[in-house]
C-alpha cells in the first residue's frame, strides 16, 4: 500500500505480529497514558477538559492487556497543559476502579500527585497542603502515588532545604512507598532549577540526599532528563531497593537493558513492541545457554531499535509537545475516533512532523491496521489542503 505525503511517497511495510505475552523478567514497567478528548466537547485552549471516558479507560485496558502498568494523571495526560484538577480527580478514580478488573489497583496503576490545582500557592506550608490533598485523592482511589514535580515549589523554593522540608512532610502522609518524579525543564521550562539548583550536579546531590534520608518510603525515582550518562550514575548512587525508572524517551533500550526500570510516555504509543521487547529481555536474562541468551538479546534490540527513531521524532524540541504525536498514533491505530486533544493541543505539531511520525511508526511495525491508518492520514491531509 502506498501513500503520497508532503514529505514524500511512502510504501507501507505493514504491521508486525507481536507476541501475546507481557513483559517478563525483573523490570517494573509503566506506560504513561494519555487521555482521550471528547471530540464534541469544548476543548479549546483554556476551557475545562472534556474527556471521552469510555475511550480513555478502553486505552488503559489496552495497556494492561500487554502486561504494562499504567502511570496515570501524569504529564502525558496533559497535566499542567490542559487537564484541569476536576478532570484529573475523576481520571484517578476511574482509572483505579477500572484496574480492579485486572488485579490490585496499587500494583497496576500509579497516579501523579502535584500542586497544579493551587496555581497561586506561594508559601511552603500552602504548597505542602496542596500536595497533601492530591496524595489523599490518589490513595483514596487505591492507586500508587507518584509525587510530581511542582511548578509552585520550583517558584517558591530558595534552595535545597525548602525541597527537603516539603518532601519530608509528604513522606509522612504516604501509606506506602512512593515514586519521586524529576521532570527536566525540556518537558516543562517552569521546573528549571528543581531540587534547588540549575547546576545538574548540585541538584543531583540534593536529590540523592533526600532519597537516602527517606529510602524506606521511596519505591523508586522517575528521571526525565534525557541524559543517559547522568541516569546511569544516579542509578548506581541510589540506596539498595530504590528503583530507577527511566523517563528517557531517547535512550530507553540501552538504559533498560543495563538495569533501569521504566516509566515512559513513548510506551503509550509502542505498547505491543515494548511488551515484546521486554519479554525477550526477561528470557535473555533467565537463559543459562549463552547462545540462547544472545538470541534473545538480539531480538530485544531488533524490536526496540526502530522505535527509537519514532520516539526521538515524537519527543523532538519543543519536547513538551510530544503528547500530540502520542495521541496522533492512538488515533491512527483506532484507539479513539478523532484526532482531538484537551486544550486544542492537536495543533501543537506541524503536518510534516505528523507525516514523519506516520512513516516511522510504519517502519517500526506499529500501524496495526494499515488500511485504517492510511484512510485517516489521507483525511488529515485533505483537511490541510493536500
Protein backbone atom coordinates (compact mmCIF):
# COMPACT_ATOMS: atom_id res chain seq x y z
CA UNK A 1 0.00 0.00 0.00
CA UNK A 2 1.31 3.44 -0.95
CA UNK A 3 0.51 6.95 0.23
CA UNK A 4 1.76 10.28 -1.06
CA UNK A 5 2.81 12.58 1.77
CA UNK A 6 4.20 16.12 1.77
CA UNK A 7 7.43 14.52 2.99
CA UNK A 8 7.49 12.10 0.03
CA UNK A 9 5.82 8.95 -1.22
CA UNK A 10 5.74 6.12 1.30
CA UNK A 11 5.05 2.43 0.70
CA UNK A 12 3.79 0.80 3.86
CA UNK A 13 5.55 -2.23 5.23
CA UNK A 14 2.51 -3.26 7.23
CA UNK A 15 2.11 -4.26 10.87
CA UNK A 16 4.25 -6.70 12.76
CA UNK A 17 2.68 -9.60 14.66
CA UNK A 18 3.55 -9.16 18.31
CA UNK A 19 3.56 -11.98 20.88
CA UNK A 20 0.55 -12.00 23.17
CA UNK A 21 2.76 -12.39 26.24
CA UNK A 22 3.51 -9.47 28.50
CA UNK A 23 6.87 -8.30 29.86
CA UNK A 24 8.82 -10.91 31.75
CA UNK A 25 11.94 -10.62 33.84
CA UNK A 26 12.84 -8.35 36.70
CA UNK A 27 11.83 -4.94 35.31
CA UNK A 28 8.87 -2.95 36.60
CA UNK A 29 7.41 -1.12 33.62
CA UNK A 30 4.84 1.68 33.44
CA UNK A 31 3.37 3.28 30.35
CA UNK A 32 2.39 6.89 30.99
CA UNK A 33 -1.07 7.09 29.44
CA UNK A 34 -2.79 9.90 27.54
CA UNK A 35 -6.41 10.97 27.93
CA UNK A 36 -8.88 10.85 25.04
CA UNK A 37 -10.67 14.13 24.49
CA UNK A 38 -14.38 14.26 23.74
CA UNK A 39 -14.36 15.37 20.08
CA UNK A 40 -17.72 17.12 20.56
CA UNK A 41 -16.68 18.84 23.78
CA UNK A 42 -15.34 22.37 24.11
CA UNK A 43 -11.66 21.57 24.35
CA UNK A 44 -10.49 24.95 23.13
CA UNK A 45 -7.40 26.36 24.89
CA UNK A 46 -8.20 27.35 28.46
CA UNK A 47 -11.55 25.53 28.61
CA UNK A 48 -12.21 22.82 31.23
CA UNK A 49 -11.18 19.44 29.88
CA UNK A 50 -13.96 17.45 28.23
CA UNK A 51 -12.89 13.79 28.29
CA UNK A 52 -14.21 10.75 26.43
CA UNK A 53 -14.16 8.46 29.46
CA UNK A 54 -15.10 5.27 27.63
CA UNK A 55 -12.23 5.61 25.16
CA UNK A 56 -9.83 6.76 27.88
CA UNK A 57 -10.50 3.68 30.00
CA UNK A 58 -10.52 1.40 26.98
CA UNK A 59 -6.99 2.57 26.22
CA UNK A 60 -5.85 1.72 29.72
CA UNK A 61 -7.24 -1.78 29.26
CA UNK A 62 -5.18 -1.97 26.06
CA UNK A 63 -2.02 -1.17 28.04
CA UNK A 64 -2.81 -3.64 30.81
CA UNK A 65 -3.54 -6.33 28.22
CA UNK A 66 0.10 -6.09 27.16
CA UNK A 67 1.29 -6.59 30.72
CA UNK A 68 2.27 -2.96 31.26
CA UNK A 69 1.42 -0.97 34.36
CA UNK A 70 -0.19 2.43 33.86
CA UNK A 71 1.20 5.73 35.12
CA UNK A 72 -1.84 7.98 35.06
CA UNK A 73 -2.61 11.65 35.58
CA UNK A 74 0.95 12.50 34.56
CA UNK A 75 2.35 14.95 32.02
CA UNK A 76 1.43 12.52 29.22
CA UNK A 77 -2.19 13.04 30.31
CA UNK A 78 -1.60 16.78 29.84
CA UNK A 79 -1.19 17.78 33.46
CA UNK A 80 -0.30 21.48 33.52
CA UNK A 81 -1.20 21.57 29.81
CA UNK A 82 -4.99 21.38 29.76
CA UNK A 83 -6.12 18.61 32.13
CA UNK A 84 -7.66 20.57 35.00
CA UNK A 85 -7.99 19.24 38.54
CA UNK A 86 -11.67 18.32 38.23
CA UNK A 87 -10.92 16.05 35.26
CA UNK A 88 -7.71 14.78 36.90
CA UNK A 89 -9.55 13.80 40.07
CA UNK A 90 -12.13 11.89 38.02
CA UNK A 91 -9.40 10.25 35.93
CA UNK A 92 -7.65 8.97 39.06
CA UNK A 93 -10.85 7.50 40.47
CA UNK A 94 -11.96 5.92 37.18
CA UNK A 95 -8.55 4.51 36.28
CA UNK A 96 -8.06 2.90 39.69
CA UNK A 97 -11.58 1.46 39.63
CA UNK A 98 -11.02 0.04 36.14
CA UNK A 99 -7.78 -1.58 37.28
CA UNK A 100 -9.64 -3.71 39.81
CA UNK A 101 -10.91 -5.88 36.96
CA UNK A 102 -7.27 -6.77 36.21
CA UNK A 103 -5.96 -7.10 39.76
CA UNK A 104 -4.64 -4.90 42.55
CA UNK A 105 -5.00 -1.20 41.59
CA UNK A 106 -1.95 -0.28 43.63
CA UNK A 107 0.14 -2.67 41.54
CA UNK A 108 -1.38 -1.81 38.18
CA UNK A 109 -1.77 1.96 38.27
CA UNK A 110 0.14 4.80 39.90
CA UNK A 111 -1.12 8.36 39.64
CA UNK A 112 0.53 11.75 39.75
CA UNK A 113 0.01 13.91 42.82
CA UNK A 114 1.06 17.53 42.48
CA UNK A 115 0.02 21.07 43.23
CA UNK A 116 -1.45 22.20 39.91
CA UNK A 117 -4.90 22.76 41.40
CA UNK A 118 -3.38 25.55 43.51
CA UNK A 119 -1.61 27.68 40.90
CA UNK A 120 -1.20 30.66 43.23
CA UNK A 121 0.28 28.67 46.13
CA UNK A 122 3.35 30.54 47.32
CA UNK A 123 4.34 29.57 50.86
CA UNK A 124 5.87 26.17 51.65
CA UNK A 125 3.01 25.27 54.01
CA UNK A 126 0.42 26.09 51.34
CA UNK A 127 2.31 24.06 48.76
CA UNK A 128 2.59 21.14 51.17
CA UNK A 129 -1.16 21.30 51.82
CA UNK A 130 -1.84 21.27 48.08
CA UNK A 131 0.33 18.19 47.66
CA UNK A 132 -1.42 16.56 50.63
CA UNK A 133 -4.85 16.99 49.03
CA UNK A 134 -3.77 15.26 45.84
CA UNK A 135 -1.91 12.47 47.66
CA UNK A 136 -5.07 11.80 49.66
CA UNK A 137 -7.10 11.67 46.43
CA UNK A 138 -4.75 9.11 44.87
CA UNK A 139 -4.57 6.94 47.97
CA UNK A 140 -8.34 7.03 48.50
CA UNK A 141 -8.73 5.65 44.98
CA UNK A 142 -6.39 2.76 45.82
CA UNK A 143 -3.66 3.71 43.34
CA UNK A 144 0.04 4.13 43.94
CA UNK A 145 1.40 7.66 44.35
CA UNK A 146 3.84 9.41 42.04
CA UNK A 147 4.95 12.69 43.59
CA UNK A 148 5.16 15.03 40.62
CA UNK A 149 7.49 17.99 40.41
CA UNK A 150 5.67 21.20 41.38
CA UNK A 151 5.83 24.46 39.45
CA UNK A 152 4.72 26.23 42.61
CA UNK A 153 7.55 24.73 44.66
CA UNK A 154 10.08 25.50 41.92
CA UNK A 155 8.96 29.12 42.08
CA UNK A 156 8.87 29.40 45.88
CA UNK A 157 11.91 27.39 46.96
CA UNK A 158 15.07 29.29 47.81
CA UNK A 159 17.34 26.25 47.91
CA UNK A 160 17.62 22.51 48.63
CA UNK A 161 16.45 22.88 52.21
CA UNK A 162 12.99 24.03 51.11
CA UNK A 163 12.57 20.95 48.88
CA UNK A 164 13.67 18.68 51.71
CA UNK A 165 11.24 20.34 54.10
CA UNK A 166 8.24 19.91 51.81
CA UNK A 167 9.05 16.39 50.60
CA UNK A 168 9.93 15.26 54.12
CA UNK A 169 6.38 16.07 55.19
CA UNK A 170 4.90 14.34 52.15
CA UNK A 171 6.61 11.04 53.00
CA UNK A 172 4.78 11.17 56.33
CA UNK A 173 1.44 11.34 54.51
CA UNK A 174 2.04 8.33 52.28
CA UNK A 175 0.56 4.97 53.23
CA UNK A 176 3.13 3.08 51.14
CA UNK A 177 6.40 3.90 49.29
CA UNK A 178 6.02 6.49 46.53
CA UNK A 179 7.70 7.23 43.23
CA UNK A 180 9.50 10.58 43.00
CA UNK A 181 9.44 12.33 39.64
CA UNK A 182 12.29 14.52 38.44
CA UNK A 183 10.98 16.15 35.28
CA UNK A 184 13.56 18.13 33.32
CA UNK A 185 12.97 21.61 32.01
CA UNK A 186 12.83 20.32 28.42
CA UNK A 187 9.48 18.80 29.45
CA UNK A 188 8.43 21.83 31.50
CA UNK A 189 10.53 25.02 31.43
CA UNK A 190 8.92 26.17 34.68
CA UNK A 191 10.73 23.38 36.52
CA UNK A 192 14.22 24.75 35.83
CA UNK A 193 16.40 24.54 38.93
CA UNK A 194 14.38 21.81 40.62
CA UNK A 195 15.89 20.37 43.81
CA UNK A 196 17.48 23.75 44.50
CA UNK A 197 19.98 24.39 41.73
CA UNK A 198 20.23 24.90 37.98
CA UNK A 199 23.52 23.01 38.12
CA UNK A 200 22.61 19.36 37.47
CA UNK A 201 25.41 18.01 39.65
CA UNK A 202 24.32 20.14 42.62
CA UNK A 203 20.65 19.27 42.04
CA UNK A 204 21.57 15.58 41.91
CA UNK A 205 23.42 15.83 45.22
CA UNK A 206 20.36 17.42 46.82
CA UNK A 207 18.05 14.80 45.29
CA UNK A 208 20.18 11.88 46.46
CA UNK A 209 20.38 13.32 49.96
CA UNK A 210 16.59 13.39 50.09
CA UNK A 211 16.21 9.85 48.74
CA UNK A 212 18.78 8.38 51.13
CA UNK A 213 17.16 10.13 54.10
CA UNK A 214 13.75 8.63 53.28
CA UNK A 215 14.69 5.42 51.43
CA UNK A 216 12.09 3.16 53.12
CA UNK A 217 9.32 5.37 51.71
CA UNK A 218 10.76 5.60 48.18
CA UNK A 219 9.68 2.86 45.78
CA UNK A 220 11.71 4.49 43.04
CA UNK A 221 12.67 7.65 41.23
CA UNK A 222 11.49 8.54 37.75
CA UNK A 223 14.07 10.66 35.96
CA UNK A 224 13.29 12.55 32.75
CA UNK A 225 16.44 14.49 31.90
CA UNK A 226 17.31 12.81 28.56
CA UNK A 227 20.89 12.27 29.74
CA UNK A 228 21.93 8.63 29.63
CA UNK A 229 25.27 9.02 31.43
CA UNK A 230 23.66 11.00 34.23
CA UNK A 231 20.96 8.37 34.70
CA UNK A 232 23.44 5.51 34.89
CA UNK A 233 25.48 7.35 37.55
CA UNK A 234 22.36 8.29 39.50
CA UNK A 235 21.08 4.71 39.39
CA UNK A 236 24.34 3.46 40.89
CA UNK A 237 24.11 6.01 43.72
CA UNK A 238 20.58 5.13 44.84
CA UNK A 239 20.00 3.23 48.09
CA UNK A 240 19.54 -0.51 47.79
CA UNK A 241 15.95 -1.36 46.92
CA UNK A 242 15.12 2.00 45.34
CA UNK A 243 14.37 1.62 41.65
CA UNK A 244 15.42 3.95 38.87
CA UNK A 245 12.50 4.32 36.46
CA UNK A 246 13.89 5.68 33.24
CA UNK A 247 11.95 8.53 31.74
CA UNK A 248 14.47 8.90 28.92
CA UNK A 249 12.44 8.63 25.73
CA UNK A 250 15.64 8.90 23.67
CA UNK A 251 17.79 6.16 25.23
CA UNK A 252 15.39 3.72 26.89
CA UNK A 253 16.58 0.47 25.19
CA UNK A 254 20.14 0.70 26.49
CA UNK A 255 19.07 2.04 29.89
CA UNK A 256 16.51 -0.69 30.47
CA UNK A 257 18.94 -3.36 29.28
CA UNK A 258 21.61 -2.10 31.68
CA UNK A 259 19.29 -2.19 34.68
CA UNK A 260 16.77 0.66 34.73
CA UNK A 261 13.08 0.04 35.19
CA UNK A 262 10.77 2.21 33.09
CA UNK A 263 8.03 4.84 33.28
CA UNK A 264 7.76 6.18 29.76
CA UNK A 265 5.37 8.25 27.67
CA UNK A 266 6.55 6.56 24.49
CA UNK A 267 5.26 3.22 25.80
CA UNK A 268 1.75 4.65 25.36
CA UNK A 269 2.41 4.61 21.60
CA UNK A 270 4.54 1.46 21.29
CA UNK A 271 2.95 -0.82 23.90
CA UNK A 272 2.89 -4.02 21.78
CA UNK A 273 6.53 -3.60 20.78
CA UNK A 274 7.61 -2.63 24.29
CA UNK A 275 5.94 -5.69 25.79
CA UNK A 276 7.55 -7.99 23.21
CA UNK A 277 10.99 -6.46 23.70
CA UNK A 278 10.78 -6.69 27.47
CA UNK A 279 9.62 -10.30 27.23
CA UNK A 280 12.71 -11.02 25.14
CA UNK A 281 14.88 -9.26 27.74
CA UNK A 282 13.41 -11.37 30.51
CA UNK A 283 14.08 -14.52 28.51
CA UNK A 284 17.67 -13.42 27.83
CA UNK A 285 18.40 -12.71 31.46
CA UNK A 286 16.88 -16.05 32.52
CA UNK A 287 18.71 -18.11 29.88
CA UNK A 288 21.52 -20.38 31.01
CA UNK A 289 22.69 -21.20 27.49
CA UNK A 290 24.89 -18.45 26.07
CA UNK A 291 23.64 -18.87 22.50
CA UNK A 292 20.02 -18.64 23.65
CA UNK A 293 20.87 -15.63 25.75
CA UNK A 294 22.48 -13.89 22.75
CA UNK A 295 19.49 -14.75 20.55
CA UNK A 296 17.03 -13.11 22.94
CA UNK A 297 19.21 -10.04 23.42
CA UNK A 298 19.36 -9.71 19.63
CA UNK A 299 15.57 -9.94 19.47
CA UNK A 300 15.29 -7.23 22.14
CA UNK A 301 17.49 -4.92 20.09
CA UNK A 302 15.76 -5.79 16.83
CA UNK A 303 12.33 -4.90 18.25
CA UNK A 304 13.32 -1.73 20.07
CA UNK A 305 15.79 -0.19 17.60
CA UNK A 306 13.25 1.13 15.04
CA UNK A 307 11.09 2.54 17.85
CA UNK A 308 13.88 4.87 18.92
CA UNK A 309 13.75 6.93 15.73
CA UNK A 310 9.98 7.20 16.19
CA UNK A 311 10.34 8.26 19.81
CA UNK A 312 13.01 10.84 19.06
CA UNK A 313 10.76 12.36 16.41
CA UNK A 314 7.75 12.47 18.75
CA UNK A 315 9.84 13.98 21.57
CA UNK A 316 11.85 16.43 19.47
CA UNK A 317 12.10 20.06 20.54
CA UNK A 318 9.90 21.53 21.92
CA UNK A 319 9.77 18.28 23.86
CA UNK A 320 6.68 19.17 25.88
CA UNK A 321 4.57 18.94 22.70
CA UNK A 322 5.22 15.21 22.48
CA UNK A 323 1.65 14.47 23.59
CA UNK A 324 0.41 15.45 20.12
CA UNK A 325 2.33 12.61 18.46
CA UNK A 326 1.22 10.15 21.12
CA UNK A 327 -2.46 10.96 20.54
CA UNK A 328 -1.96 11.03 16.75
CA UNK A 329 -0.76 7.43 16.81
CA UNK A 330 -3.61 6.36 19.09
CA UNK A 331 -6.00 7.81 16.51
CA UNK A 332 -4.24 6.15 13.56
CA UNK A 333 -4.44 2.83 15.39
CA UNK A 334 -8.15 3.09 16.11
CA UNK A 335 -7.94 3.61 19.87
CA UNK A 336 -10.03 6.77 19.53
CA UNK A 337 -12.45 8.14 16.97
CA UNK A 338 -10.96 11.60 16.50
CA UNK A 339 -7.59 13.32 16.45
CA UNK A 340 -8.65 15.68 19.21
CA UNK A 341 -6.97 16.74 22.46
CA UNK A 342 -7.87 18.74 25.51
CA UNK A 343 -6.64 22.33 25.29
CA UNK A 344 -6.68 22.05 21.48
CA UNK A 345 -3.21 20.51 21.65
CA UNK A 346 -3.65 18.53 18.42
CA UNK A 347 -2.45 21.71 16.69
CA UNK A 348 0.87 21.75 18.57
CA UNK A 349 2.79 19.89 15.83
CA UNK A 350 3.06 20.59 12.13
CA UNK A 351 1.63 18.46 9.33
CA UNK A 352 5.13 17.49 8.17
CA UNK A 353 6.02 16.39 11.71
CA UNK A 354 2.94 14.15 11.80
CA UNK A 355 3.76 12.74 8.36
CA UNK A 356 7.19 11.73 9.63
CA UNK A 357 5.62 10.14 12.73
CA UNK A 358 3.31 8.15 10.43
CA UNK A 359 6.25 6.90 8.34
CA UNK A 360 8.40 5.98 11.33
CA UNK A 361 5.53 4.17 13.06
CA UNK A 362 5.05 2.04 9.95
CA UNK A 363 8.78 1.26 9.78
CA UNK A 364 8.59 0.07 13.40
CA UNK A 365 5.62 -2.19 12.58
CA UNK A 366 3.30 -0.15 14.79
CA UNK A 367 0.41 0.67 12.45
CA UNK A 368 -1.91 -2.14 13.47
CA UNK A 369 -4.42 -1.65 10.65
CA UNK A 370 -2.71 -0.10 7.61
CA UNK A 371 -5.99 0.46 5.77
CA UNK A 372 -7.43 2.45 8.68
CA UNK A 373 -4.19 4.35 9.22
CA UNK A 374 -3.97 5.35 5.56
CA UNK A 375 -7.63 6.42 5.44
CA UNK A 376 -7.14 8.59 8.49
CA UNK A 377 -3.86 10.00 7.24
CA UNK A 378 -5.45 10.91 3.93
CA UNK A 379 -8.35 12.57 5.75
CA UNK A 380 -5.87 14.68 7.74
CA UNK A 381 -4.05 15.63 4.55
CA UNK A 382 -7.34 16.66 2.92
CA UNK A 383 -8.28 18.86 5.86
CA UNK A 384 -4.89 20.54 5.47
CA UNK A 385 -5.39 21.14 1.72
CA UNK A 386 -3.24 18.27 0.46
